[in-house]
């Protein structure tokens, strides 16, 4: 893959009148590649700045044609096809610098490490481990076995702790005190009792208000409501029967379903009024 960096912007392809003049201009500006020689020429590195501030070093020379490119790219010679080291070489600039040593100890030498190791080995050999172990055992505190008791004829020992033979829980700090979880439970229960009492008082007040605002429906008013419901039922039933039998549109289906719902509700209301002679009405 080849990259082209635009450096000059004065080239214009439209100013070229004919292709012959353009090729003559190319021959005059472009120098042919010389043949291989025994001596190696020094490569001139071209530095290219990238947008991130880094630089690239290339082994190719910058030419004036590296602007927008040729209108018709000139072909290379057949002898240059797949030639080794013939392309553009890209190399990242080595801008890494090692940090300065600030208060860091120098690296020890191998000879010093060997001497230290030899000294340690000598010290280990000179130590008498038997005497050291004997002194440690003499100065160590005595280890007491766990208290046990035997009350069987077989002689099997059992632990005295948690057996109930010695006072164990009397000596603890929490002896004779109510546990924390019971205190919390008691507080929660007392809070619930207070809320229950308040709710009962509120319910009693509401019941008193409801009793004061409830009245019995008189018989005359009940009969008038029944007559009105039956009359409305007859009107809706006539409208339902007068509807078309062919239901081929959405509007007809919706109208029929609405009439059926209204008839069912009217039947339910009429049945309630006829089956219940005494009816109470709230004034809320």
Protein backbone atom coordinates (compact mmCIF):
# COMPACT_ATOMS: atom_id res chain seq x y z
CA UNK A 1 0.00 0.00 0.00
CA UNK A 2 1.39 3.41 -1.01
CA UNK A 3 0.68 6.69 0.79
CA UNK A 4 0.77 10.11 -0.91
CA UNK A 5 1.37 13.23 1.16
CA UNK A 6 0.15 16.47 -0.47
CA UNK A 7 2.72 19.22 -0.02
CA UNK A 8 2.15 21.61 -2.97
CA UNK A 9 -1.18 22.73 -4.40
CA UNK A 10 -0.27 24.68 -7.54
CA UNK A 11 -0.67 21.72 -9.94
CA UNK A 12 -3.80 21.84 -12.16
CA UNK A 13 -4.63 19.11 -14.69
CA UNK A 14 -7.07 21.38 -16.64
CA UNK A 15 -4.22 23.65 -17.82
CA UNK A 16 -2.74 20.78 -19.88
CA UNK A 17 -4.01 21.15 -23.48
CA UNK A 18 -3.00 17.80 -24.99
CA UNK A 19 -1.63 14.51 -23.78
CA UNK A 20 1.48 14.78 -26.00
CA UNK A 21 2.53 18.04 -24.33
CA UNK A 22 1.86 16.49 -20.96
CA UNK A 23 4.10 13.50 -21.67
CA UNK A 24 6.84 15.82 -22.93
CA UNK A 25 6.52 17.74 -19.68
CA UNK A 26 6.82 14.48 -17.77
CA UNK A 27 9.94 13.38 -19.70
CA UNK A 28 11.61 16.71 -18.99
CA UNK A 29 10.70 16.64 -15.25
CA UNK A 30 11.00 12.92 -14.52
CA UNK A 31 14.48 11.46 -14.57
CA UNK A 32 14.83 7.79 -15.45
CA UNK A 33 16.16 5.40 -12.86
CA UNK A 34 19.88 4.75 -13.32
CA UNK A 35 21.21 1.27 -13.72
CA UNK A 36 22.62 -0.69 -10.81
CA UNK A 37 26.19 0.04 -9.89
CA UNK A 38 28.61 -1.58 -7.55
CA UNK A 39 28.69 1.45 -5.26
CA UNK A 40 25.75 2.00 -2.90
CA UNK A 41 24.32 5.49 -2.74
CA UNK A 42 23.30 6.99 0.54
CA UNK A 43 19.53 7.11 1.01
CA UNK A 44 18.11 10.54 1.81
CA UNK A 45 15.53 10.23 4.59
CA UNK A 46 12.39 12.33 4.29
CA UNK A 47 10.65 13.31 7.57
CA UNK A 48 6.84 13.42 7.56
CA UNK A 49 4.92 14.93 10.48
CA UNK A 50 1.71 13.13 11.56
CA UNK A 51 -1.34 14.83 13.13
CA UNK A 52 -0.62 13.17 16.51
CA UNK A 53 2.77 14.95 16.70
CA UNK A 54 4.91 11.93 15.77
CA UNK A 55 7.26 11.75 12.79
CA UNK A 56 7.92 9.16 10.12
CA UNK A 57 11.28 8.51 8.47
CA UNK A 58 11.14 7.32 4.85
CA UNK A 59 13.87 6.08 2.52
CA UNK A 60 12.19 7.68 -0.51
CA UNK A 61 12.87 11.19 -1.81
CA UNK A 62 10.10 13.73 -2.07
CA UNK A 63 9.27 14.68 -5.61
CA UNK A 64 7.31 17.60 -6.96
CA UNK A 65 4.75 15.22 -8.47
CA UNK A 66 3.56 14.14 -4.99
CA UNK A 67 0.56 16.45 -4.92
CA UNK A 68 -2.67 15.12 -6.41
CA UNK A 69 -0.91 12.46 -8.51
CA UNK A 70 -0.73 12.01 -12.26
CA UNK A 71 -3.81 12.07 -14.45
CA UNK A 72 -2.39 8.96 -16.10
CA UNK A 73 0.12 7.14 -13.90
CA UNK A 74 3.34 6.26 -15.76
CA UNK A 75 4.17 2.54 -15.77
CA UNK A 76 7.40 1.14 -14.41
CA UNK A 77 9.86 -0.71 -16.56
CA UNK A 78 9.50 -4.50 -16.86
CA UNK A 79 12.89 -5.01 -15.23
CA UNK A 80 11.55 -3.30 -12.03
CA UNK A 81 8.66 -5.75 -11.55
CA UNK A 82 8.80 -7.32 -8.06
CA UNK A 83 12.32 -6.06 -7.49
CA UNK A 84 13.56 -6.58 -3.95
CA UNK A 85 13.69 -3.47 -1.72
CA UNK A 86 12.07 -1.41 -4.47
CA UNK A 87 9.06 -0.07 -2.55
CA UNK A 88 8.72 2.73 -0.04
CA UNK A 89 10.07 1.91 3.39
CA UNK A 90 8.35 3.28 6.47
CA UNK A 91 9.98 3.45 9.83
CA UNK A 92 8.63 4.76 13.11
CA UNK A 93 10.88 7.29 14.77
CA UNK A 94 12.45 6.01 17.98
CA UNK A 95 11.53 8.83 20.36
CA UNK A 96 11.65 6.69 23.53
CA UNK A 97 13.87 7.99 26.31
CA UNK A 98 14.62 6.09 29.51
CA UNK A 99 13.61 7.89 32.74
CA UNK A 100 16.30 9.26 35.01
CA UNK A 101 17.22 7.28 38.10
CA UNK A 102 16.06 9.20 41.20
CA UNK A 103 17.18 7.59 44.44
CA UNK A 104 17.24 4.08 43.00
CA UNK A 105 19.88 1.73 44.36
CA UNK A 106 22.40 0.46 41.81
CA UNK A 107 22.22 -3.09 40.57
CA UNK A 108 24.39 -5.32 42.77
CA UNK A 109 27.24 -7.23 41.24
CA UNK A 110 27.20 -10.96 40.83
CA UNK A 111 30.32 -11.34 42.97
CA UNK A 112 28.71 -9.50 45.90
CA UNK A 113 25.61 -11.72 45.70
CA UNK A 114 27.75 -14.85 45.74
CA UNK A 115 29.65 -13.64 48.82
CA UNK A 116 26.41 -12.89 50.68
CA UNK A 117 25.08 -16.33 49.87
CA UNK A 118 28.29 -17.99 51.12
CA UNK A 119 28.12 -16.02 54.37
CA UNK A 120 24.52 -17.12 54.96
CA UNK A 121 25.40 -20.74 54.39
CA UNK A 122 28.26 -20.49 56.91
CA UNK A 123 25.96 -18.95 59.54
CA UNK A 124 23.43 -21.74 59.06
CA UNK A 125 26.11 -24.38 59.50
CA UNK A 126 27.38 -22.78 62.72
CA UNK A 127 23.94 -22.73 64.37
CA UNK A 128 23.22 -25.64 66.75
CA UNK A 129 19.55 -26.44 66.15
CA UNK A 130 19.35 -28.95 69.01
CA UNK A 131 20.27 -26.40 71.67
CA UNK A 132 17.99 -23.83 70.09
CA UNK A 133 15.01 -26.23 70.22
CA UNK A 134 15.76 -27.18 73.84
CA UNK A 135 15.82 -23.50 74.90
CA UNK A 136 12.57 -22.83 73.05
CA UNK A 137 10.85 -25.71 74.86
CA UNK A 138 12.13 -24.59 78.26
CA UNK A 139 10.94 -21.02 77.82
CA UNK A 140 7.60 -21.95 76.23
CA UNK A 141 4.46 -21.72 78.43
CA UNK A 142 2.91 -24.95 79.63
CA UNK A 143 0.02 -26.36 77.59
CA UNK A 144 -2.97 -27.47 79.65
CA UNK A 145 -5.33 -30.04 78.29
CA UNK A 146 -9.03 -29.28 78.08
CA UNK A 147 -10.95 -30.12 81.31
CA UNK A 148 -12.68 -33.50 81.09
CA UNK A 149 -14.74 -35.76 83.31
CA UNK A 150 -15.32 -39.54 83.47
CA UNK A 151 -18.55 -40.95 84.84
CA UNK A 152 -18.82 -44.21 82.92
CA UNK A 153 -17.43 -47.61 83.84
CA UNK A 154 -15.74 -47.78 80.44
CA UNK A 155 -13.53 -44.78 81.32
CA UNK A 156 -14.31 -42.68 78.24
CA UNK A 157 -13.51 -39.01 78.91
CA UNK A 158 -15.93 -36.23 78.00
CA UNK A 159 -15.48 -32.47 77.84
CA UNK A 160 -16.53 -30.57 80.91
CA UNK A 161 -17.55 -27.51 78.93
CA UNK A 162 -21.22 -27.42 77.84
CA UNK A 163 -21.95 -30.41 80.07
CA UNK A 164 -23.93 -28.45 82.72
CA UNK A 165 -21.76 -29.53 85.64
CA UNK A 166 -20.04 -26.16 86.08
CA UNK A 167 -21.56 -22.64 86.05
CA UNK A 168 -20.80 -21.45 82.54
CA UNK A 169 -23.42 -18.84 81.58
CA UNK A 170 -23.67 -17.21 85.04
CA UNK A 171 -20.22 -15.69 84.62
CA UNK A 172 -21.00 -14.12 81.25
CA UNK A 173 -21.85 -10.41 80.91
CA UNK A 174 -25.15 -11.06 79.13
CA UNK A 175 -26.50 -13.26 81.95
CA UNK A 176 -29.92 -12.14 83.23
CA UNK A 177 -30.45 -9.58 80.44
CA UNK A 178 -33.10 -9.51 77.75
CA UNK A 179 -31.61 -10.26 74.31
CA UNK A 180 -31.44 -7.49 71.74
CA UNK A 181 -33.74 -9.21 69.22
CA UNK A 182 -36.49 -9.49 71.87
CA UNK A 183 -36.22 -5.76 72.65
CA UNK A 184 -36.56 -4.89 68.98
CA UNK A 185 -39.53 -7.24 68.64
CA UNK A 186 -41.22 -5.65 71.66
CA UNK A 187 -40.74 -2.15 70.22
CA UNK A 188 -42.19 -3.24 66.89
CA UNK A 189 -45.23 -4.79 68.61
CA UNK A 190 -45.90 -1.67 70.69
CA UNK A 191 -45.69 0.47 67.56
CA UNK A 192 -48.13 -1.83 65.75
CA UNK A 193 -50.59 -1.68 68.66
CA UNK A 194 -50.55 2.12 68.61
CA UNK A 195 -51.18 2.20 64.85
CA UNK A 196 -53.99 -0.36 65.20
CA UNK A 197 -55.69 1.75 67.87
CA UNK A 198 -55.48 4.86 65.68
CA UNK A 199 -56.91 2.98 62.70
CA UNK A 200 -59.79 1.62 64.80
CA UNK A 201 -60.65 5.15 65.99
CA UNK A 202 -60.61 6.43 62.39
CA UNK A 203 -62.84 3.54 61.23
CA UNK A 204 -65.33 4.23 64.02
CA UNK A 205 -65.54 7.89 63.01
CA UNK A 206 -66.05 6.94 59.37
CA UNK A 207 -68.80 4.46 60.28
CA UNK A 208 -70.62 7.15 62.27
CA UNK A 209 -70.46 9.51 59.31
CA UNK A 210 -71.63 6.77 56.95
CA UNK A 211 -74.55 5.89 59.19
CA UNK A 212 -75.60 9.51 59.26
CA UNK A 213 -75.36 9.88 55.46
CA UNK A 214 -77.19 6.66 54.48
CA UNK A 215 -80.96 6.74 53.83
CA UNK A 216 -83.55 4.17 52.82
CA UNK A 217 -84.95 4.43 49.31
CA UNK A 218 -88.75 5.00 49.44
CA UNK A 219 -91.08 2.63 47.59
CA UNK A 220 -92.48 5.31 45.26
CA UNK A 221 -89.01 6.35 44.10
CA UNK A 222 -88.07 2.69 43.62
CA UNK A 223 -91.16 2.09 41.43
CA UNK A 224 -90.40 5.16 39.31
CA UNK A 225 -86.82 3.96 38.74
CA UNK A 226 -88.13 0.52 37.72
CA UNK A 227 -90.57 2.04 35.22
CA UNK A 228 -87.86 4.21 33.70
CA UNK A 229 -85.47 1.24 33.40
CA UNK A 230 -88.14 -0.93 31.71
CA UNK A 231 -89.05 1.84 29.28
CA UNK A 232 -85.40 2.34 28.37
CA UNK A 233 -85.00 -1.43 27.97
CA UNK A 234 -87.92 -1.51 25.49
CA UNK A 235 -86.42 1.35 23.45
CA UNK A 236 -83.01 -0.27 23.26
CA UNK A 237 -84.56 -3.64 22.35
CA UNK A 238 -86.53 -2.01 19.48
CA UNK A 239 -83.34 -0.39 18.18
CA UNK A 240 -81.58 -3.77 18.42
CA UNK A 241 -84.36 -5.51 16.42
CA UNK A 242 -84.47 -2.72 13.83
CA UNK A 243 -80.77 -3.27 13.02
CA UNK A 244 -79.67 -4.93 9.79
CA UNK A 245 -79.15 -8.67 9.76
CA UNK A 246 -76.13 -8.40 7.46
CA UNK A 247 -73.15 -7.26 9.51
CA UNK A 248 -70.47 -6.63 6.88
CA UNK A 249 -68.84 -3.44 8.22
CA UNK A 250 -67.00 -2.56 11.41
CA UNK A 251 -69.44 0.20 12.41
CA UNK A 252 -72.40 -2.24 12.29
CA UNK A 253 -70.55 -4.77 14.43
CA UNK A 254 -69.62 -2.15 17.04
CA UNK A 255 -73.19 -0.80 17.19
CA UNK A 256 -74.63 -4.28 17.72
CA UNK A 257 -72.08 -5.14 20.45
CA UNK A 258 -72.79 -1.86 22.29
CA UNK A 259 -76.55 -2.49 22.21
CA UNK A 260 -76.05 -6.02 23.59
CA UNK A 261 -73.92 -4.72 26.49
CA UNK A 262 -76.52 -2.07 27.34
CA UNK A 263 -79.34 -4.67 27.34
CA UNK A 264 -77.40 -6.95 29.70
CA UNK A 265 -76.72 -4.08 32.12
CA UNK A 266 -80.38 -3.02 32.12
CA UNK A 267 -81.52 -6.59 32.82
CA UNK A 268 -79.09 -6.79 35.76
CA UNK A 269 -80.31 -3.48 37.26
CA UNK A 270 -84.00 -4.41 36.88
CA UNK A 271 -83.39 -7.80 38.55
CA UNK A 272 -81.64 -6.11 41.53
CA UNK A 273 -84.48 -3.63 42.11
CA UNK A 274 -87.22 -6.26 41.82
CA UNK A 275 -85.46 -8.82 44.08
CA UNK A 276 -84.57 -6.30 46.89
CA UNK A 277 -87.58 -4.43 48.31
CA UNK A 278 -85.48 -2.41 50.83
CA UNK A 279 -82.59 -0.45 49.33
CA UNK A 280 -80.21 1.92 51.15
CA UNK A 281 -78.61 4.83 49.29
CA UNK A 282 -75.48 6.76 50.40
CA UNK A 283 -75.38 10.52 50.06
CA UNK A 284 -71.64 10.78 49.31
